[in-house]
Amino acid sequence: MRVFFRSAGRNERPWPAGSSCYRSATYRPLRPWQVRERRFRRTRIGRRGLDPDEVARFLDQVAGDLASLYEALARSRQETDRIREALRRWQSEQSQARLAEQRRMEARCAR
């Protein structure tokens, strides 16, 4: 969870909530196999662990791709809800029309 609350560094611009960053036409979103196979360089001499800048860039890219996926999923769910509601209205209208036609036919036969 710490990644989501990481503040922007001195030379980084924070992303406004709900906005997406500019991506060129050559940008390719991460694939699951890329995340699984990703290896980071070791830090410079005298330090232990992985290069923090490289890890931060990678995590920012993963977070951006996840945000895009969640936005697409939300749009898809909204579209599904809209279509489902339209189908319900149409079915209701068809049912009422069929019932009205049936009543007219019964009224004609009763005469």
N, C-alpha and C. Protein backbone atom coordinates (compact mmCIF):
# COMPACT_ATOMS: atom_id res chain seq x y z
N MET A 1 0.82 -1.20 0.00
CA MET A 1 0.00 0.00 0.00
C MET A 1 0.86 1.26 0.00
N ARG A 2 2.08 1.14 0.42
CA ARG A 2 2.93 2.30 0.52
C ARG A 2 3.11 3.00 -0.82
N VAL A 3 3.11 2.25 -1.90
CA VAL A 3 3.31 2.82 -3.23
C VAL A 3 2.21 3.81 -3.58
N PHE A 4 0.98 3.51 -3.20
CA PHE A 4 -0.14 4.38 -3.54
C PHE A 4 -0.07 5.73 -2.83
N PHE A 5 0.61 5.78 -1.70
CA PHE A 5 0.67 7.01 -0.92
C PHE A 5 2.02 7.70 -1.01
N ARG A 6 2.86 7.22 -1.93
CA ARG A 6 4.18 7.80 -2.09
C ARG A 6 4.04 9.23 -2.60
N SER A 7 4.69 10.15 -1.94
CA SER A 7 4.62 11.54 -2.38
C SER A 7 5.59 11.76 -3.54
N ALA A 8 5.30 12.77 -4.32
CA ALA A 8 6.16 13.08 -5.46
C ALA A 8 7.51 13.58 -4.94
N GLY A 9 8.56 13.14 -5.62
CA GLY A 9 9.90 13.59 -5.25
C GLY A 9 10.13 15.03 -5.66
N ARG A 10 11.31 15.51 -5.40
CA ARG A 10 11.61 16.89 -5.68
C ARG A 10 11.51 17.22 -7.17
N ASN A 11 11.91 16.30 -8.02
CA ASN A 11 11.91 16.55 -9.46
C ASN A 11 10.74 15.88 -10.18
N GLU A 12 9.76 15.42 -9.45
CA GLU A 12 8.62 14.75 -10.05
C GLU A 12 7.38 15.62 -9.94
N ARG A 13 6.56 15.54 -10.98
CA ARG A 13 5.28 16.24 -10.92
C ARG A 13 4.22 15.26 -10.44
N PRO A 14 3.42 15.61 -9.45
CA PRO A 14 2.36 14.70 -9.01
C PRO A 14 1.27 14.63 -10.07
N TRP A 15 0.67 13.48 -10.24
CA TRP A 15 -0.44 13.32 -11.17
C TRP A 15 -1.71 13.75 -10.50
N PRO A 16 -2.49 14.62 -11.13
CA PRO A 16 -3.78 14.98 -10.56
C PRO A 16 -4.70 13.76 -10.55
N ALA A 17 -5.56 13.68 -9.56
CA ALA A 17 -6.47 12.55 -9.44
C ALA A 17 -7.38 12.48 -10.66
N GLY A 18 -7.56 11.28 -11.18
CA GLY A 18 -8.47 11.08 -12.30
C GLY A 18 -7.90 11.43 -13.67
N SER A 19 -6.66 11.89 -13.73
CA SER A 19 -6.10 12.23 -15.03
C SER A 19 -5.14 11.14 -15.46
N SER A 20 -4.87 11.09 -16.72
CA SER A 20 -3.90 10.13 -17.20
C SER A 20 -2.74 10.89 -17.80
N CYS A 21 -1.61 10.27 -17.78
CA CYS A 21 -0.44 10.94 -18.33
C CYS A 21 -0.40 10.74 -19.84
N TYR A 22 0.33 11.57 -20.52
CA TYR A 22 0.49 11.47 -21.96
C TYR A 22 1.31 10.23 -22.27
N ARG A 23 0.88 9.47 -23.25
CA ARG A 23 1.63 8.31 -23.70
C ARG A 23 1.76 8.38 -25.21
N SER A 24 2.96 8.12 -25.70
CA SER A 24 3.19 8.18 -27.14
C SER A 24 2.55 6.98 -27.82
N ALA A 25 2.49 7.02 -29.13
CA ALA A 25 1.90 5.93 -29.90
C ALA A 25 2.75 4.67 -29.79
N THR A 26 4.02 4.80 -29.43
CA THR A 26 4.89 3.63 -29.32
C THR A 26 4.83 2.99 -27.94
N TYR A 27 4.10 3.59 -27.01
CA TYR A 27 4.02 3.04 -25.66
C TYR A 27 3.28 1.71 -25.69
N ARG A 28 3.83 0.72 -25.05
CA ARG A 28 3.20 -0.60 -24.95
C ARG A 28 2.89 -0.86 -23.48
N PRO A 29 1.64 -1.17 -23.13
CA PRO A 29 1.31 -1.47 -21.74
C PRO A 29 2.01 -2.74 -21.29
N LEU A 30 2.22 -2.84 -20.01
CA LEU A 30 2.90 -4.01 -19.46
C LEU A 30 2.04 -5.25 -19.61
N ARG A 31 2.70 -6.34 -19.85
CA ARG A 31 2.05 -7.63 -19.90
C ARG A 31 2.41 -8.40 -18.63
N PRO A 32 1.57 -9.31 -18.19
CA PRO A 32 1.88 -10.05 -16.96
C PRO A 32 3.24 -10.73 -16.98
N TRP A 33 3.63 -11.28 -18.11
CA TRP A 33 4.93 -11.96 -18.17
C TRP A 33 6.08 -10.98 -17.98
N GLN A 34 5.88 -9.72 -18.42
CA GLN A 34 6.94 -8.72 -18.24
C GLN A 34 7.12 -8.40 -16.76
N VAL A 35 6.03 -8.34 -16.03
CA VAL A 35 6.12 -8.05 -14.60
C VAL A 35 6.80 -9.22 -13.90
N ARG A 36 6.40 -10.44 -14.25
CA ARG A 36 6.98 -11.61 -13.59
C ARG A 36 8.47 -11.77 -13.87
N GLU A 37 8.90 -11.43 -15.07
CA GLU A 37 10.29 -11.64 -15.46
C GLU A 37 11.19 -10.43 -15.24
N ARG A 38 10.65 -9.35 -14.74
CA ARG A 38 11.42 -8.12 -14.56
C ARG A 38 12.52 -8.32 -13.53
N ARG A 39 13.75 -7.92 -13.87
CA ARG A 39 14.89 -7.97 -12.96
C ARG A 39 15.49 -6.57 -12.90
N PHE A 40 15.90 -6.15 -11.71
CA PHE A 40 16.46 -4.82 -11.50
C PHE A 40 17.97 -4.91 -11.29
N ARG A 41 18.66 -3.85 -11.70
CA ARG A 41 20.10 -3.77 -11.50
C ARG A 41 20.41 -3.57 -10.03
N ARG A 42 21.58 -3.98 -9.66
CA ARG A 42 22.07 -3.72 -8.31
C ARG A 42 22.47 -2.24 -8.22
N THR A 43 22.51 -1.72 -7.02
CA THR A 43 22.87 -0.31 -6.84
C THR A 43 24.37 -0.12 -7.04
N ARG A 44 24.75 1.15 -7.03
CA ARG A 44 26.16 1.49 -7.21
C ARG A 44 27.00 0.93 -6.05
N ILE A 45 28.27 0.94 -6.26
CA ILE A 45 29.20 0.43 -5.24
C ILE A 45 28.99 1.19 -3.93
N GLY A 46 29.00 0.45 -2.85
CA GLY A 46 28.85 1.07 -1.54
C GLY A 46 27.42 1.06 -1.04
N ARG A 47 26.48 0.68 -1.88
CA ARG A 47 25.08 0.60 -1.45
C ARG A 47 24.60 -0.82 -1.65
N ARG A 48 23.62 -1.20 -0.88
CA ARG A 48 23.08 -2.56 -0.97
C ARG A 48 21.68 -2.50 -1.56
N GLY A 49 21.27 -3.56 -2.22
CA GLY A 49 19.91 -3.65 -2.71
C GLY A 49 19.78 -3.27 -4.17
N LEU A 50 18.57 -2.90 -4.54
CA LEU A 50 18.24 -2.55 -5.92
C LEU A 50 18.27 -1.04 -6.11
N ASP A 51 18.39 -0.62 -7.35
CA ASP A 51 18.41 0.81 -7.67
C ASP A 51 17.03 1.39 -7.39
N PRO A 52 16.89 2.25 -6.38
CA PRO A 52 15.57 2.76 -6.01
C PRO A 52 14.87 3.56 -7.11
N ASP A 53 15.63 4.28 -7.93
CA ASP A 53 15.02 5.05 -9.02
C ASP A 53 14.41 4.13 -10.06
N GLU A 54 15.11 3.06 -10.39
CA GLU A 54 14.61 2.11 -11.38
C GLU A 54 13.36 1.41 -10.86
N VAL A 55 13.38 1.01 -9.61
CA VAL A 55 12.21 0.35 -9.01
C VAL A 55 11.03 1.31 -8.98
N ALA A 56 11.27 2.56 -8.61
CA ALA A 56 10.19 3.55 -8.54
C ALA A 56 9.58 3.78 -9.92
N ARG A 57 10.42 3.89 -10.97
CA ARG A 57 9.90 4.07 -12.33
C ARG A 57 9.04 2.88 -12.74
N PHE A 58 9.52 1.68 -12.45
CA PHE A 58 8.77 0.48 -12.80
C PHE A 58 7.44 0.44 -12.06
N LEU A 59 7.46 0.72 -10.79
CA LEU A 59 6.22 0.71 -10.00
C LEU A 59 5.24 1.78 -10.48
N ASP A 60 5.75 2.93 -10.90
CA ASP A 60 4.88 3.97 -11.45
C ASP A 60 4.22 3.49 -12.74
N GLN A 61 4.99 2.76 -13.56
CA GLN A 61 4.43 2.24 -14.81
C GLN A 61 3.36 1.19 -14.51
N VAL A 62 3.63 0.31 -13.56
CA VAL A 62 2.64 -0.71 -13.17
C VAL A 62 1.39 -0.03 -12.63
N ALA A 63 1.56 0.96 -11.78
CA ALA A 63 0.41 1.66 -11.21
C ALA A 63 -0.39 2.37 -12.30
N GLY A 64 0.28 2.97 -13.26
CA GLY A 64 -0.41 3.63 -14.37
C GLY A 64 -1.21 2.66 -15.21
N ASP A 65 -0.61 1.50 -15.50
CA ASP A 65 -1.32 0.49 -16.28
C ASP A 65 -2.52 -0.06 -15.51
N LEU A 66 -2.35 -0.27 -14.22
CA LEU A 66 -3.47 -0.75 -13.41
C LEU A 66 -4.59 0.29 -13.36
N ALA A 67 -4.22 1.55 -13.23
CA ALA A 67 -5.23 2.61 -13.21
C ALA A 67 -6.01 2.63 -14.52
N SER A 68 -5.29 2.46 -15.64
CA SER A 68 -5.96 2.43 -16.95
C SER A 68 -6.92 1.24 -17.04
N LEU A 69 -6.48 0.11 -16.54
CA LEU A 69 -7.34 -1.07 -16.56
C LEU A 69 -8.60 -0.89 -15.72
N TYR A 70 -8.42 -0.31 -14.54
CA TYR A 70 -9.58 -0.08 -13.67
C TYR A 70 -10.55 0.93 -14.28
N GLU A 71 -10.01 1.95 -14.96
CA GLU A 71 -10.88 2.92 -15.64
C GLU A 71 -11.65 2.24 -16.77
N ALA A 72 -10.97 1.40 -17.54
CA ALA A 72 -11.63 0.68 -18.63
C ALA A 72 -12.69 -0.27 -18.08
N LEU A 73 -12.38 -0.92 -16.97
CA LEU A 73 -13.34 -1.82 -16.35
C LEU A 73 -14.57 -1.05 -15.86
N ALA A 74 -14.35 0.12 -15.28
CA ALA A 74 -15.47 0.94 -14.81
C ALA A 74 -16.34 1.38 -15.99
N ARG A 75 -15.71 1.80 -17.09
CA ARG A 75 -16.48 2.18 -18.28
C ARG A 75 -17.27 1.00 -18.83
N SER A 76 -16.65 -0.16 -18.83
CA SER A 76 -17.32 -1.36 -19.32
C SER A 76 -18.53 -1.71 -18.45
N ARG A 77 -18.37 -1.60 -17.15
CA ARG A 77 -19.49 -1.88 -16.25
C ARG A 77 -20.61 -0.87 -16.42
N GLN A 78 -20.27 0.39 -16.63
CA GLN A 78 -21.31 1.40 -16.87
C GLN A 78 -22.06 1.10 -18.15
N GLU A 79 -21.33 0.71 -19.19
CA GLU A 79 -21.97 0.37 -20.47
C GLU A 79 -22.87 -0.86 -20.31
N THR A 80 -22.40 -1.83 -19.55
CA THR A 80 -23.21 -3.03 -19.29
C THR A 80 -24.49 -2.66 -18.56
N ASP A 81 -24.38 -1.81 -17.54
CA ASP A 81 -25.57 -1.37 -16.80
C ASP A 81 -26.54 -0.62 -17.71
N ARG A 82 -26.01 0.23 -18.58
CA ARG A 82 -26.86 0.99 -19.50
C ARG A 82 -27.60 0.06 -20.45
N ILE A 83 -26.89 -0.91 -21.00
CA ILE A 83 -27.51 -1.86 -21.93
C ILE A 83 -28.53 -2.72 -21.20
N ARG A 84 -28.20 -3.17 -20.00
CA ARG A 84 -29.12 -4.00 -19.23
C ARG A 84 -30.42 -3.23 -18.94
N GLU A 85 -30.29 -1.96 -18.57
CA GLU A 85 -31.48 -1.15 -18.28
C GLU A 85 -32.31 -0.92 -19.54
N ALA A 86 -31.65 -0.68 -20.67
CA ALA A 86 -32.37 -0.50 -21.93
C ALA A 86 -33.11 -1.79 -22.31
N LEU A 87 -32.48 -2.92 -22.09
CA LEU A 87 -33.13 -4.20 -22.39
C LEU A 87 -34.35 -4.41 -21.49
N ARG A 88 -34.22 -4.07 -20.22
CA ARG A 88 -35.37 -4.20 -19.30
C ARG A 88 -36.53 -3.31 -19.73
N ARG A 89 -36.22 -2.07 -20.13
CA ARG A 89 -37.28 -1.17 -20.59
C ARG A 89 -37.96 -1.74 -21.84
N TRP A 90 -37.15 -2.22 -22.79
CA TRP A 90 -37.70 -2.77 -24.02
C TRP A 90 -38.57 -4.00 -23.73
N GLN A 91 -38.10 -4.88 -22.85
CA GLN A 91 -38.88 -6.06 -22.51
C GLN A 91 -40.19 -5.67 -21.84
N SER A 92 -40.15 -4.66 -20.98
CA SER A 92 -41.36 -4.19 -20.32
C SER A 92 -42.35 -3.61 -21.34
N GLU A 93 -41.84 -2.81 -22.26
CA GLU A 93 -42.70 -2.24 -23.31
C GLU A 93 -43.31 -3.34 -24.17
N GLN A 94 -42.51 -4.35 -24.53
CA GLN A 94 -43.02 -5.46 -25.34
C GLN A 94 -44.07 -6.25 -24.59
N SER A 95 -43.85 -6.46 -23.32
CA SER A 95 -44.81 -7.19 -22.49
C SER A 95 -46.12 -6.43 -22.39
N GLN A 96 -46.04 -5.13 -22.17
CA GLN A 96 -47.25 -4.31 -22.07
C GLN A 96 -47.99 -4.28 -23.41
N ALA A 97 -47.26 -4.17 -24.51
CA ALA A 97 -47.88 -4.15 -25.83
C ALA A 97 -48.56 -5.49 -26.12
N ARG A 98 -47.90 -6.58 -25.76
CA ARG A 98 -48.48 -7.90 -25.98
C ARG A 98 -49.74 -8.09 -25.13
N LEU A 99 -49.70 -7.62 -23.89
CA LEU A 99 -50.86 -7.72 -23.00
C LEU A 99 -52.02 -6.87 -23.54
N ALA A 100 -51.72 -5.67 -24.02
CA ALA A 100 -52.76 -4.81 -24.58
C ALA A 100 -53.38 -5.45 -25.82
N GLU A 101 -52.55 -6.04 -26.67
CA GLU A 101 -53.06 -6.71 -27.87
C GLU A 101 -53.93 -7.91 -27.49
N GLN A 102 -53.52 -8.63 -26.49
CA GLN A 102 -54.29 -9.78 -26.03
C GLN A 102 -55.66 -9.33 -25.51
N ARG A 103 -55.68 -8.23 -24.77
CA ARG A 103 -56.95 -7.72 -24.24
C ARG A 103 -57.87 -7.26 -25.37
N ARG A 104 -57.29 -6.63 -26.40
CA ARG A 104 -58.09 -6.21 -27.56
C ARG A 104 -58.72 -7.40 -28.28
N MET A 105 -57.92 -8.43 -28.42
CA MET A 105 -58.41 -9.65 -29.08
C MET A 105 -59.52 -10.30 -28.26
N GLU A 106 -59.39 -10.32 -26.93
CA GLU A 106 -60.43 -10.87 -26.06
C GLU A 106 -61.70 -10.04 -26.13
N ALA A 107 -61.53 -8.71 -26.21
CA ALA A 107 -62.70 -7.82 -26.29
C ALA A 107 -63.43 -8.05 -27.61
N ARG A 108 -62.72 -8.28 -28.70
CA ARG A 108 -63.36 -8.54 -29.99
C ARG A 108 -64.13 -9.88 -29.97
N CYS A 109 -63.52 -10.86 -29.35
CA CYS A 109 -64.16 -12.17 -29.29
C CYS A 109 -65.39 -12.17 -28.38
N ALA A 110 -65.39 -11.33 -27.36
CA ALA A 110 -66.50 -11.26 -26.40
C ALA A 110 -67.72 -10.59 -27.03
N ARG A 111 -67.57 -9.84 -28.07
CA ARG A 111 -68.70 -9.12 -28.68
C ARG A 111 -69.61 -10.02 -29.35
